[in-house]
C-alpha atoms as a PDB file:
ATOM      1  CA  UNK A   1       0.000   0.000   0.000  1.00  0.00           C
ATOM      2  CA  UNK A   2       1.308   3.428  -0.901  1.00  0.00           C
ATOM      3  CA  UNK A   3       0.459   6.166   1.619  1.00  0.00           C
ATOM      4  CA  UNK A   4      -1.469   9.230   0.496  1.00  0.00           C
ATOM      5  CA  UNK A   5       0.311  12.570   0.344  1.00  0.00           C
ATOM      6  CA  UNK A   6      -1.216  13.566   3.713  1.00  0.00           C
ATOM      7  CA  UNK A   7      -0.168  10.424   5.620  1.00  0.00           C
ATOM      8  CA  UNK A   8       3.173  10.472   7.436  1.00  0.00           C
ATOM      9  CA  UNK A   9       5.804   8.692   5.359  1.00  0.00           C
ATOM     10  CA  UNK A  10       9.523   8.214   4.854  1.00  0.00           C
ATOM     11  CA  UNK A  11      10.752  10.614   2.162  1.00  0.00           C
ATOM     12  CA  UNK A  12      14.497  10.111   2.556  1.00  0.00           C
ATOM     13  CA  UNK A  13      16.975   7.503   3.752  1.00  0.00           C
ATOM     14  CA  UNK A  14      20.623   8.409   4.247  1.00  0.00           C
ATOM     15  CA  UNK A  15      23.903   6.706   5.244  1.00  0.00           C
ATOM     16  CA  UNK A  16      27.587   7.570   5.455  1.00  0.00           C
ATOM     17  CA  UNK A  17      29.875   4.541   5.238  1.00  0.00           C
ATOM     18  CA  UNK A  18      32.890   6.673   6.135  1.00  0.00           C
ATOM     19  CA  UNK A  19      30.983   8.593   8.811  1.00  0.00           C
ATOM     20  CA  UNK A  20      30.318  12.300   9.015  1.00  0.00           C
ATOM     21  CA  UNK A  21      28.049  14.433   6.846  1.00  0.00           C
ATOM     22  CA  UNK A  22      26.515  14.752   4.428  1.00  0.00           C
ATOM     23  CA  UNK A  23      24.992  11.297   4.378  1.00  0.00           C
ATOM     24  CA  UNK A  24      24.165   9.974   0.902  1.00  0.00           C
ATOM     25  CA  UNK A  25      20.674   8.963  -0.174  1.00  0.00           C
ATOM     26  CA  UNK A  26      19.689   5.309  -0.548  1.00  0.00           C
ATOM     27  CA  UNK A  27      16.368   3.678  -1.461  1.00  0.00           C
ATOM     28  CA  UNK A  28      16.354   1.140   1.374  1.00  0.00           C
ATOM     29  CA  UNK A  29      17.933   0.684   4.809  1.00  0.00           C
ATOM     30  CA  UNK A  30      18.409  -2.295   7.050  1.00  0.00           C
ATOM     31  CA  UNK A  31      17.808  -1.192  10.629  1.00  0.00           C
ATOM     32  CA  UNK A  32      19.253  -3.285  13.472  1.00  0.00           C
ATOM     33  CA  UNK A  33      19.250  -2.785  17.238  1.00  0.00           C
ATOM     34  CA  UNK A  34      22.791  -1.405  16.936  1.00  0.00           C
ATOM     35  CA  UNK A  35      22.010   1.020  14.111  1.00  0.00           C
ATOM     36  CA  UNK A  36      21.705   1.300  10.358  1.00  0.00           C
ATOM     37  CA  UNK A  37      23.693  -1.159   8.249  1.00  0.00           C
ATOM     38  CA  UNK A  38      26.191   0.754   6.094  1.00  0.00           C
ATOM     39  CA  UNK A  39      26.198   3.843   8.311  1.00  0.00           C
ATOM     40  CA  UNK A  40      29.084   4.855  10.535  1.00  0.00           C
ATOM     41  CA  UNK A  41      29.507   7.460  13.246  1.00  0.00           C
ATOM     42  CA  UNK A  42      32.884   9.072  13.816  1.00  0.00           C
ATOM     43  CA  UNK A  43      32.195  10.287  17.370  1.00  0.00           C
ATOM     44  CA  UNK A  44      30.828   7.347  19.366  1.00  0.00           C
ATOM     45  CA  UNK A  45      30.755   9.398  22.572  1.00  0.00           C
ATOM     46  CA  UNK A  46      27.924  11.491  21.139  1.00  0.00           C
ATOM     47  CA  UNK A  47      26.415   9.370  18.341  1.00  0.00           C
ATOM     48  CA  UNK A  48      25.356   5.758  17.880  1.00  0.00           C
ATOM     49  CA  UNK A  49      24.848   3.045  20.456  1.00  0.00           C
ATOM     50  CA  UNK A  50      21.576   1.375  21.410  1.00  0.00           C
ATOM     51  CA  UNK A  51      19.771   4.553  22.546  1.00  0.00           C
ATOM     52  CA  UNK A  52      20.967   6.563  19.528  1.00  0.00           C
ATOM     53  CA  UNK A  53      20.814   3.813  16.916  1.00  0.00           C
ATOM     54  CA  UNK A  54      18.839   5.863  14.384  1.00  0.00           C
ATOM     55  CA  UNK A  55      18.682   9.621  13.761  1.00  0.00           C
ATOM     56  CA  UNK A  56      15.428  11.059  12.374  1.00  0.00           C
ATOM     57  CA  UNK A  57      14.414  14.456  11.051  1.00  0.00           C
ATOM     58  CA  UNK A  58      11.380  16.188   9.645  1.00  0.00           C
ATOM     59  CA  UNK A  59      11.102  17.163   5.983  1.00  0.00           C
ATOM     60  CA  UNK A  60       8.908  20.096   7.037  1.00  0.00           C
ATOM     61  CA  UNK A  61      11.666  21.370   9.358  1.00  0.00           C
ATOM     62  CA  UNK A  62      14.227  21.030   6.557  1.00  0.00           C
ATOM     63  CA  UNK A  63      11.923  22.920   4.170  1.00  0.00           C
ATOM     64  CA  UNK A  64      11.263  25.698   6.710  1.00  0.00           C
ATOM     65  CA  UNK A  65      14.973  26.060   7.479  1.00  0.00           C
ATOM     66  CA  UNK A  66      15.775  26.239   3.752  1.00  0.00           C
ATOM     67  CA  UNK A  67      13.082  28.933   3.410  1.00  0.00           C
ATOM     68  CA  UNK A  68      14.922  30.884   6.145  1.00  0.00           C
ATOM     69  CA  UNK A  69      17.980  30.810   3.873  1.00  0.00           C
ATOM     70  CA  UNK A  70      19.931  27.927   5.400  1.00  0.00           C
ATOM     71  CA  UNK A  71      21.768  25.657   2.893  1.00  0.00           C
ATOM     72  CA  UNK A  72      20.227  22.502   4.389  1.00  0.00           C
ATOM     73  CA  UNK A  73      18.914  19.423   2.591  1.00  0.00           C
ATOM     74  CA  UNK A  74      18.216  15.784   3.398  1.00  0.00           C
ATOM     75  CA  UNK A  75      21.202  14.093   5.009  1.00  0.00           C
ATOM     76  CA  UNK A  76      23.278  17.232   5.547  1.00  0.00           C
ATOM     77  CA  UNK A  77      22.556  17.211   9.275  1.00  0.00           C
ATOM     78  CA  UNK A  78      23.269  13.500   9.640  1.00  0.00           C
ATOM     79  CA  UNK A  79      19.790  12.020   9.833  1.00  0.00           C
ATOM     80  CA  UNK A  80      19.209   8.452   8.637  1.00  0.00           C
ATOM     81  CA  UNK A  81      15.467   8.821   8.074  1.00  0.00           C
ATOM     82  CA  UNK A  82      13.682  11.914   6.836  1.00  0.00           C
ATOM     83  CA  UNK A  83       9.962  11.837   7.561  1.00  0.00           C
ATOM     84  CA  UNK A  84       7.193  14.016   6.109  1.00  0.00           C
ATOM     85  CA  UNK A  85       3.705  14.487   7.468  1.00  0.00           C
ATOM     86  CA  UNK A  86       4.337  14.253  11.232  1.00  0.00           C
ATOM     87  CA  UNK A  87       3.700  17.171  13.575  1.00  0.00           C
ATOM     88  CA  UNK A  88       7.351  17.175  14.625  1.00  0.00           C
ATOM     89  CA  UNK A  89       6.916  19.189  17.855  1.00  0.00           C
ATOM     90  CA  UNK A  90       4.444  16.488  19.007  1.00  0.00           C
ATOM     91  CA  UNK A  91       7.006  13.661  18.760  1.00  0.00           C
ATOM     92  CA  UNK A  92       8.556  13.082  22.206  1.00  0.00           C
ATOM     93  CA  UNK A  93      10.833  10.669  24.059  1.00  0.00           C
ATOM     94  CA  UNK A  94       8.982   7.444  24.754  1.00  0.00           C
ATOM     95  CA  UNK A  95       6.828   7.754  21.624  1.00  0.00           C
ATOM     96  CA  UNK A  96       7.081   4.971  19.087  1.00  0.00           C
ATOM     97  CA  UNK A  97       7.170   5.139  15.325  1.00  0.00           C
ATOM     98  CA  UNK A  98       6.137   2.105  13.320  1.00  0.00           C
ATOM     99  CA  UNK A  99       7.679   2.200   9.848  1.00  0.00           C
ATOM    100  CA  UNK A 100       6.734  -0.877   7.829  1.00  0.00           C
ATOM    101  CA  UNK A 101       7.756  -3.726  10.193  1.00  0.00           C
ATOM    102  CA  UNK A 102      10.333  -1.602  12.031  1.00  0.00           C
ATOM    103  CA  UNK A 103       9.442  -0.120  15.418  1.00  0.00           C
ATOM    104  CA  UNK A 104      11.507   2.739  16.826  1.00  0.00           C
ATOM    105  CA  UNK A 105      11.249   4.375  20.241  1.00  0.00           C
ATOM    106  CA  UNK A 106      12.227   8.037  20.474  1.00  0.00           C
ATOM    107  CA  UNK A 107      14.937   8.489  23.116  1.00  0.00           C
ATOM    108  CA  UNK A 108      15.526  12.236  22.878  1.00  0.00           C
ATOM    109  CA  UNK A 109      16.742  15.155  20.805  1.00  0.00           C
ATOM    110  CA  UNK A 110      20.026  14.911  18.918  1.00  0.00           C
ATOM    111  CA  UNK A 111      22.171  17.838  20.076  1.00  0.00           C
ATOM    112  CA  UNK A 112      23.666  19.727  17.134  1.00  0.00           C
ATOM    113  CA  UNK A 113      27.423  20.190  16.782  1.00  0.00           C
ATOM    114  CA  UNK A 114      29.871  22.032  14.537  1.00  0.00           C
ATOM    115  CA  UNK A 115      30.023  19.030  12.167  1.00  0.00           C
ATOM    116  CA  UNK A 116      26.708  20.191  10.660  1.00  0.00           C
ATOM    117  CA  UNK A 117      27.587  23.905  10.588  1.00  0.00           C
ATOM    118  CA  UNK A 118      27.754  23.962   6.773  1.00  0.00           C
ATOM    119  CA  UNK A 119      23.973  23.369   6.717  1.00  0.00           C
ATOM    120  CA  UNK A 120      23.319  26.713   8.410  1.00  0.00           C
ATOM    121  CA  UNK A 121      23.822  30.341   7.481  1.00  0.00           C
ATOM    122  CA  UNK A 122      26.929  31.642   9.273  1.00  0.00           C
ATOM    123  CA  UNK A 123      27.344  28.155  10.782  1.00  0.00           C
ATOM    124  CA  UNK A 124      24.487  28.747  13.249  1.00  0.00           C
ATOM    125  CA  UNK A 125      23.750  25.069  13.923  1.00  0.00           C
ATOM    126  CA  UNK A 126      22.184  26.081  17.263  1.00  0.00           C
ATOM    127  CA  UNK A 127      19.096  26.772  15.108  1.00  0.00           C
ATOM    128  CA  UNK A 128      18.131  23.106  15.605  1.00  0.00           C
ATOM    129  CA  UNK A 129      19.051  22.888  19.283  1.00  0.00           C
ATOM    130  CA  UNK A 130      16.107  21.593  21.303  1.00  0.00           C
ATOM    131  CA  UNK A 131      17.251  23.749  24.227  1.00  0.00           C
ATOM    132  CA  UNK A 132      17.117  26.948  22.155  1.00  0.00           C
ATOM    133  CA  UNK A 133      14.372  26.107  19.628  1.00  0.00           C
ATOM    134  CA  UNK A 134      12.132  23.327  21.025  1.00  0.00           C
ATOM    135  CA  UNK A 135      10.492  21.224  18.324  1.00  0.00           C
ATOM    136  CA  UNK A 136      13.218  21.853  15.712  1.00  0.00           C
ATOM    137  CA  UNK A 137      15.732  19.189  16.745  1.00  0.00           C
ATOM    138  CA  UNK A 138      16.603  15.953  15.030  1.00  0.00           C
ATOM    139  CA  UNK A 139      15.601  12.979  17.172  1.00  0.00           C
ATOM    140  CA  UNK A 140      17.405   9.833  18.254  1.00  0.00           C
ATOM    141  CA  UNK A 141      15.661   6.476  18.529  1.00  0.00           C
ATOM    142  CA  UNK A 142      16.320   2.989  19.794  1.00  0.00           C
ATOM    143  CA  UNK A 143      15.253   0.040  17.653  1.00  0.00           C
ATOM    144  CA  UNK A 144      12.607  -2.164  19.261  1.00  0.00           C
ATOM    145  CA  UNK A 145      11.840  -4.227  16.156  1.00  0.00           C
ATOM    146  CA  UNK A 146      14.551  -4.355  13.443  1.00  0.00           C
ATOM    147  CA  UNK A 147      13.896  -4.719   9.736  1.00  0.00           C
ATOM    148  CA  UNK A 148      14.033  -2.986   6.376  1.00  0.00           C
ATOM    149  CA  UNK A 149      12.727   0.478   5.537  1.00  0.00           C
ATOM    150  CA  UNK A 150      12.109   1.824   2.040  1.00  0.00           C
ATOM    151  CA  UNK A 151      11.486   5.357   0.821  1.00  0.00           C
ATOM    152  CA  UNK A 152       7.731   5.896   0.741  1.00  0.00           C
ATOM    153  CA  UNK A 153       7.029   3.630   3.718  1.00  0.00           C
ATOM    154  CA  UNK A 154       4.111   4.814   5.872  1.00  0.00           C
ATOM    155  CA  UNK A 155       4.913   6.026   9.383  1.00  0.00           C
ATOM    156  CA  UNK A 156       2.550   5.522  12.303  1.00  0.00           C
ATOM    157  CA  UNK A 157       3.126   7.726  15.362  1.00  0.00           C
ATOM    158  CA  UNK A 158       2.257   5.974  18.631  1.00  0.00           C
ATOM    159  CA  UNK A 159       2.467   8.524  21.471  1.00  0.00           C
ATOM    160  CA  UNK A 160       3.752   7.225  24.816  1.00  0.00           C
ATOM    161  CA  UNK A 161       0.864   8.835  26.685  1.00  0.00           C
ATOM    162  CA  UNK A 162      -2.544   8.742  25.066  1.00  0.00           C
END
């Protein structure tokens, strides 16, 4: 089943075999409890591991930031999955996202660092800091159910508290 334009869906999948950014686009990802196959993090103190296995971002946030004049696009801030159609400020730690057979649990915001500065006018990567601009951050997730994800896959948001 292909989701309608208004349903939340995966619009981008990105990896970096050598680590760093930008991550390159792929059509499909294999997601495991330890992360995305074919993706590497250079700074394991701040990225990766079971509670930061996958990095997610909103296409609407990327579009709004680009409209502000920032040179941002999918994968330039290091996200593995770019999702459209979710009310990003309503996605919180403890919430789950079901994407095809994969189930992710949001663990928290991904703090920005100078590695992604090229995606922002005058290097102002703090623009996506959850502490400074709540609701604009990338999000980290743990993998509860591993599997494969393809571009176009529907995304179901399951809030932790209903």
